[in-house]
């Protein structure tokens, strides 16, 4: 299944599972083969492979426009 959403740096996404701090919201800081995301609750930075990131995202809350 191919995900048709075009993610950009600056997007805010809601994940399916909560971070241990309790937050579901993450800032997208890096896009490419790997996604760099930062928790909006505690500031923890995580680097995820694209496939794992796209599977874990529930929705895009704020989409950054050019």
PDB file of N, CA and C in Angstrom:
ATOM      1  N   UNK A   1       0.853  -1.187   0.000  1.00  0.00           N
ATOM      2  CA  UNK A   1       0.000   0.000   0.000  1.00  0.00           C
ATOM      3  C   UNK A   1       0.892   1.240   0.000  1.00  0.00           C
ATOM      4  N   UNK A   2       0.689   2.102  -0.969  1.00  0.00           N
ATOM      5  CA  UNK A   2       1.502   3.317  -1.098  1.00  0.00           C
ATOM      6  C   UNK A   2       0.771   4.484  -0.451  1.00  0.00           C
ATOM      7  N   UNK A   3       1.517   5.235   0.334  1.00  0.00           N
ATOM      8  CA  UNK A   3       0.957   6.414   0.996  1.00  0.00           C
ATOM      9  C   UNK A   3       1.140   7.618   0.073  1.00  0.00           C
ATOM     10  N   UNK A   4       0.065   8.311  -0.272  1.00  0.00           N
ATOM     11  CA  UNK A   4       0.110   9.413  -1.233  1.00  0.00           C
ATOM     12  C   UNK A   4       0.323  10.781  -0.592  1.00  0.00           C
ATOM     13  N   UNK A   5       0.510  10.842   0.716  1.00  0.00           N
ATOM     14  CA  UNK A   5       0.697  12.119   1.391  1.00  0.00           C
ATOM     15  C   UNK A   5       2.128  12.597   1.182  1.00  0.00           C
ATOM     16  N   UNK A   6       2.269  13.876   0.857  1.00  0.00           N
ATOM     17  CA  UNK A   6       3.586  14.473   0.679  1.00  0.00           C
ATOM     18  C   UNK A   6       3.955  15.193   1.971  1.00  0.00           C
ATOM     19  N   UNK A   7       4.821  14.579   2.763  1.00  0.00           N
ATOM     20  CA  UNK A   7       5.227  15.170   4.041  1.00  0.00           C
ATOM     21  C   UNK A   7       6.304  16.212   3.798  1.00  0.00           C
ATOM     22  N   UNK A   8       6.281  17.288   4.593  1.00  0.00           N
ATOM     23  CA  UNK A   8       7.268  18.366   4.487  1.00  0.00           C
ATOM     24  C   UNK A   8       7.801  18.702   5.868  1.00  0.00           C
ATOM     25  N   UNK A   9       9.002  19.267   5.884  1.00  0.00           N
ATOM     26  CA  UNK A   9       9.578  19.744   7.140  1.00  0.00           C
ATOM     27  C   UNK A   9       8.663  20.845   7.682  1.00  0.00           C
ATOM     28  N   UNK A  10       8.305  20.752   8.939  1.00  0.00           N
ATOM     29  CA  UNK A  10       7.405  21.725   9.551  1.00  0.00           C
ATOM     30  C   UNK A  10       6.011  21.179   9.787  1.00  0.00           C
ATOM     31  N   UNK A  11       5.691  20.023   9.187  1.00  0.00           N
ATOM     32  CA  UNK A  11       4.389  19.409   9.430  1.00  0.00           C
ATOM     33  C   UNK A  11       4.293  18.951  10.883  1.00  0.00           C
ATOM     34  N   UNK A  12       3.069  18.895  11.390  1.00  0.00           N
ATOM     35  CA  UNK A  12       2.804  18.326  12.709  1.00  0.00           C
ATOM     36  C   UNK A  12       1.908  17.116  12.470  1.00  0.00           C
ATOM     37  N   UNK A  13       2.346  15.946  12.933  1.00  0.00           N
ATOM     38  CA  UNK A  13       1.601  14.713  12.689  1.00  0.00           C
ATOM     39  C   UNK A  13       1.141  14.096  14.002  1.00  0.00           C
ATOM     40  N   UNK A  14       0.048  13.337  13.918  1.00  0.00           N
ATOM     41  CA  UNK A  14      -0.462  12.573  15.062  1.00  0.00           C
ATOM     42  C   UNK A  14      -0.155  11.108  14.785  1.00  0.00           C
ATOM     43  N   UNK A  15       0.506  10.467  15.735  1.00  0.00           N
ATOM     44  CA  UNK A  15       0.890   9.068  15.589  1.00  0.00           C
ATOM     45  C   UNK A  15      -0.186   8.145  16.174  1.00  0.00           C
ATOM     46  N   UNK A  16      -0.172   6.873  15.768  1.00  0.00           N
ATOM     47  CA  UNK A  16      -1.140   5.901  16.268  1.00  0.00           C
ATOM     48  C   UNK A  16      -0.906   5.566  17.732  1.00  0.00           C
ATOM     49  N   UNK A  17       0.363   5.493  18.131  1.00  0.00           N
ATOM     50  CA  UNK A  17       0.696   5.172  19.521  1.00  0.00           C
ATOM     51  C   UNK A  17       1.291   6.394  20.214  1.00  0.00           C
ATOM     52  N   UNK A  18       1.003   6.503  21.491  1.00  0.00           N
ATOM     53  CA  UNK A  18       1.523   7.630  22.273  1.00  0.00           C
ATOM     54  C   UNK A  18       2.988   7.400  22.629  1.00  0.00           C
ATOM     55  N   UNK A  19       3.743   8.484  22.715  1.00  0.00           N
ATOM     56  CA  UNK A  19       5.110   8.454  23.226  1.00  0.00           C
ATOM     57  C   UNK A  19       5.009   8.185  24.730  1.00  0.00           C
ATOM     58  N   UNK A  20       6.031   7.606  25.357  1.00  0.00           N
ATOM     59  CA  UNK A  20       5.958   7.363  26.806  1.00  0.00           C
ATOM     60  C   UNK A  20       5.613   8.599  27.650  1.00  0.00           C
ATOM     61  N   UNK A  21       5.884   9.800  27.142  1.00  0.00           N
ATOM     62  CA  UNK A  21       5.525  11.016  27.894  1.00  0.00           C
ATOM     63  C   UNK A  21       4.023  11.304  27.809  1.00  0.00           C
ATOM     64  N   UNK A  22       3.309  10.604  26.913  1.00  0.00           N
ATOM     65  CA  UNK A  22       1.864  10.770  26.796  1.00  0.00           C
ATOM     66  C   UNK A  22       1.409  11.553  25.578  1.00  0.00           C
ATOM     67  N   UNK A  23       2.332  12.143  24.824  1.00  0.00           N
ATOM     68  CA  UNK A  23       1.975  12.961  23.665  1.00  0.00           C
ATOM     69  C   UNK A  23       1.849  12.103  22.403  1.00  0.00           C
ATOM     70  N   UNK A  24       0.859  12.435  21.570  1.00  0.00           N
ATOM     71  CA  UNK A  24       0.678  11.780  20.272  1.00  0.00           C
ATOM     72  C   UNK A  24       1.211  12.651  19.136  1.00  0.00           C
ATOM     73  N   UNK A  25       1.517  13.914  19.422  1.00  0.00           N
ATOM     74  CA  UNK A  25       1.881  14.876  18.371  1.00  0.00           C
ATOM     75  C   UNK A  25       3.389  15.004  18.214  1.00  0.00           C
ATOM     76  N   UNK A  26       3.841  15.071  16.937  1.00  0.00           N
ATOM     77  CA  UNK A  26       5.258  15.142  16.603  1.00  0.00           C
ATOM     78  C   UNK A  26       5.485  16.180  15.515  1.00  0.00           C
ATOM     79  N   UNK A  27       6.616  16.889  15.589  1.00  0.00           N
ATOM     80  CA  UNK A  27       7.053  17.810  14.538  1.00  0.00           C
ATOM     81  C   UNK A  27       7.950  17.047  13.579  1.00  0.00           C
ATOM     82  N   UNK A  28       7.765  17.251  12.263  1.00  0.00           N
ATOM     83  CA  UNK A  28       8.634  16.640  11.265  1.00  0.00           C
ATOM     84  C   UNK A  28       9.807  17.593  11.029  1.00  0.00           C
ATOM     85  N   UNK A  29      11.025  17.125  11.303  1.00  0.00           N
ATOM     86  CA  UNK A  29      12.224  17.955  11.161  1.00  0.00           C
ATOM     87  C   UNK A  29      13.104  17.528   9.988  1.00  0.00           C
ATOM     88  N   UNK A  30      12.940  16.302   9.514  1.00  0.00           N
ATOM     89  CA  UNK A  30      13.755  15.794   8.411  1.00  0.00           C
ATOM     90  C   UNK A  30      12.907  14.853   7.563  1.00  0.00           C
ATOM     91  N   UNK A  31      13.001  14.970   6.241  1.00  0.00           N
ATOM     92  CA  UNK A  31      12.266  14.113   5.321  1.00  0.00           C
ATOM     93  C   UNK A  31      13.247  13.498   4.330  1.00  0.00           C
ATOM     94  N   UNK A  32      12.969  12.288   3.912  1.00  0.00           N
ATOM     95  CA  UNK A  32      13.833  11.584   2.975  1.00  0.00           C
ATOM     96  C   UNK A  32      13.613  10.090   3.150  1.00  0.00           C
ATOM     97  N   UNK A  33      14.674   9.302   3.003  1.00  0.00           N
ATOM     98  CA  UNK A  33      14.571   7.867   3.268  1.00  0.00           C
ATOM     99  C   UNK A  33      14.296   7.622   4.747  1.00  0.00           C
ATOM    100  N   UNK A  34      14.813   8.520   5.589  1.00  0.00           N
ATOM    101  CA  UNK A  34      14.541   8.482   7.023  1.00  0.00           C
ATOM    102  C   UNK A  34      13.815   9.761   7.415  1.00  0.00           C
ATOM    103  N   UNK A  35      12.950   9.659   8.396  1.00  0.00           N
ATOM    104  CA  UNK A  35      12.227  10.821   8.901  1.00  0.00           C
ATOM    105  C   UNK A  35      12.746  11.148  10.291  1.00  0.00           C
ATOM    106  N   UNK A  36      13.089  12.407  10.511  1.00  0.00           N
ATOM    107  CA  UNK A  36      13.464  12.888  11.830  1.00  0.00           C
ATOM    108  C   UNK A  36      12.259  13.587  12.424  1.00  0.00           C
ATOM    109  N   UNK A  37      11.796  13.104  13.573  1.00  0.00           N
ATOM    110  CA  UNK A  37      10.625  13.703  14.207  1.00  0.00           C
ATOM    111  C   UNK A  37      10.960  14.033  15.664  1.00  0.00           C
ATOM    112  N   UNK A  38      10.309  15.105  16.179  1.00  0.00           N
ATOM    113  CA  UNK A  38      10.531  15.548  17.554  1.00  0.00           C
ATOM    114  C   UNK A  38       9.205  15.576  18.288  1.00  0.00           C
ATOM    115  N   UNK A  39       9.175  14.953  19.450  1.00  0.00           N
ATOM    116  CA  UNK A  39       7.965  14.902  20.274  1.00  0.00           C
ATOM    117  C   UNK A  39       7.604  16.307  20.739  1.00  0.00           C
ATOM    118  N   UNK A  40       6.337  16.673  20.602  1.00  0.00           N
ATOM    119  CA  UNK A  40       5.882  17.992  21.042  1.00  0.00           C
ATOM    120  C   UNK A  40       5.647  18.043  22.549  1.00  0.00           C
ATOM    121  N   UNK A  41       5.663  16.885  23.201  1.00  0.00           N
ATOM    122  CA  UNK A  41       5.472  16.848  24.647  1.00  0.00           C
ATOM    123  C   UNK A  41       6.763  17.038  25.417  1.00  0.00           C
ATOM    124  N   UNK A  42       7.791  16.244  25.067  1.00  0.00           N
ATOM    125  CA  UNK A  42       9.034  16.268  25.851  1.00  0.00           C
ATOM    126  C   UNK A  42      10.260  16.683  25.042  1.00  0.00           C
ATOM    127  N   UNK A  43      10.133  16.794  23.712  1.00  0.00           N
ATOM    128  CA  UNK A  43      11.249  17.240  22.894  1.00  0.00           C
ATOM    129  C   UNK A  43      12.187  16.131  22.444  1.00  0.00           C
ATOM    130  N   UNK A  44      11.844  14.874  22.702  1.00  0.00           N
ATOM    131  CA  UNK A  44      12.694  13.747  22.302  1.00  0.00           C
ATOM    132  C   UNK A  44      12.749  13.640  20.779  1.00  0.00           C
ATOM    133  N   UNK A  45      13.952  13.448  20.217  1.00  0.00           N
ATOM    134  CA  UNK A  45      14.143  13.345  18.771  1.00  0.00           C
ATOM    135  C   UNK A  45      14.311  11.885  18.381  1.00  0.00           C
ATOM    136  N   UNK A  46      13.599  11.453  17.335  1.00  0.00           N
ATOM    137  CA  UNK A  46      13.653  10.072  16.862  1.00  0.00           C
ATOM    138  C   UNK A  46      13.865  10.078  15.359  1.00  0.00           C
ATOM    139  N   UNK A  47      14.692   9.148  14.871  1.00  0.00           N
ATOM    140  CA  UNK A  47      14.932   8.969  13.440  1.00  0.00           C
ATOM    141  C   UNK A  47      14.303   7.641  13.039  1.00  0.00           C
ATOM    142  N   UNK A  48      13.318   7.687  12.112  1.00  0.00           N
ATOM    143  CA  UNK A  48      12.596   6.484  11.687  1.00  0.00           C
ATOM    144  C   UNK A  48      12.749   6.259  10.189  1.00  0.00           C
ATOM    145  N   UNK A  49      12.830   4.998   9.751  1.00  0.00           N
ATOM    146  CA  UNK A  49      12.790   4.725   8.313  1.00  0.00           C
ATOM    147  C   UNK A  49      11.430   5.146   7.743  1.00  0.00           C
ATOM    148  N   UNK A  50      11.401   5.543   6.481  1.00  0.00           N
ATOM    149  CA  UNK A  50      10.182   6.041   5.845  1.00  0.00           C
ATOM    150  C   UNK A  50       9.005   5.073   5.992  1.00  0.00           C
ATOM    151  N   UNK A  51       9.228   3.800   5.732  1.00  0.00           N
ATOM    152  CA  UNK A  51       8.131   2.816   5.788  1.00  0.00           C
ATOM    153  C   UNK A  51       7.509   2.751   7.191  1.00  0.00           C
ATOM    154  N   UNK A  52       8.342   2.755   8.214  1.00  0.00           N
ATOM    155  CA  UNK A  52       7.845   2.685   9.590  1.00  0.00           C
ATOM    156  C   UNK A  52       7.105   3.965   9.965  1.00  0.00           C
ATOM    157  N   UNK A  53       7.626   5.118   9.524  1.00  0.00           N
ATOM    158  CA  UNK A  53       6.980   6.395   9.796  1.00  0.00           C
ATOM    159  C   UNK A  53       5.592   6.455   9.163  1.00  0.00           C
ATOM    160  N   UNK A  54       5.508   6.121   7.865  1.00  0.00           N
ATOM    161  CA  UNK A  54       4.225   6.205   7.157  1.00  0.00           C
ATOM    162  C   UNK A  54       3.193   5.244   7.735  1.00  0.00           C
ATOM    163  N   UNK A  55       3.643   4.115   8.255  1.00  0.00           N
ATOM    164  CA  UNK A  55       2.730   3.152   8.864  1.00  0.00           C
ATOM    165  C   UNK A  55       2.223   3.640  10.220  1.00  0.00           C
ATOM    166  N   UNK A  56       3.060   4.425  10.930  1.00  0.00           N
ATOM    167  CA  UNK A  56       2.733   4.866  12.288  1.00  0.00           C
ATOM    168  C   UNK A  56       1.906   6.153  12.337  1.00  0.00           C
ATOM    169  N   UNK A  57       1.840   6.911  11.234  1.00  0.00           N
ATOM    170  CA  UNK A  57       1.118   8.189  11.229  1.00  0.00           C
ATOM    171  C   UNK A  57      -0.386   7.947  11.091  1.00  0.00           C
ATOM    172  N   UNK A  58      -1.149   8.609  11.957  1.00  0.00           N
ATOM    173  CA  UNK A  58      -2.608   8.526  11.869  1.00  0.00           C
ATOM    174  C   UNK A  58      -3.155   9.666  11.007  1.00  0.00           C
ATOM    175  N   UNK A  59      -2.657  10.903  11.238  1.00  0.00           N
ATOM    176  CA  UNK A  59      -3.130  12.049  10.458  1.00  0.00           C
ATOM    177  C   UNK A  59      -2.121  13.179  10.520  1.00  0.00           C
ATOM    178  N   UNK A  60      -2.215  14.093   9.552  1.00  0.00           N
ATOM    179  CA  UNK A  60      -1.401  15.301   9.547  1.00  0.00           C
ATOM    180  C   UNK A  60      -2.262  16.411  10.137  1.00  0.00           C
ATOM    181  N   UNK A  61      -1.846  16.965  11.276  1.00  0.00           N
ATOM    182  CA  UNK A  61      -2.616  17.997  11.951  1.00  0.00           C
ATOM    183  C   UNK A  61      -2.392  19.361  11.315  1.00  0.00           C
ATOM    184  N   UNK A  62      -1.119  19.689  11.021  1.00  0.00           N
ATOM    185  CA  UNK A  62      -0.762  20.949  10.373  1.00  0.00           C
ATOM    186  C   UNK A  62       0.138  20.612   9.209  1.00  0.00           C
ATOM    187  N   UNK A  63      -0.297  21.006   7.998  1.00  0.00           N
ATOM    188  CA  UNK A  63       0.494  20.741   6.809  1.00  0.00           C
ATOM    189  C   UNK A  63       1.188  22.027   6.377  1.00  0.00           C
ATOM    190  N   UNK A  64       2.495  22.003   6.346  1.00  0.00           N
ATOM    191  CA  UNK A  64       3.295  23.184   5.977  1.00  0.00           C
ATOM    192  C   UNK A  64       3.198  23.418   4.475  1.00  0.00           C
ATOM    193  N   UNK A  65       2.771  24.598   4.094  1.00  0.00           N
ATOM    194  CA  UNK A  65       2.677  24.977   2.678  1.00  0.00           C
ATOM    195  C   UNK A  65       3.916  25.746   2.279  1.00  0.00           C
ATOM    196  N   UNK A  66       4.311  25.647   1.013  1.00  0.00           N
ATOM    197  CA  UNK A  66       5.492  26.374   0.515  1.00  0.00           C
ATOM    198  C   UNK A  66       5.219  27.841   0.305  1.00  0.00           C
TER     199      UNK A  66
END
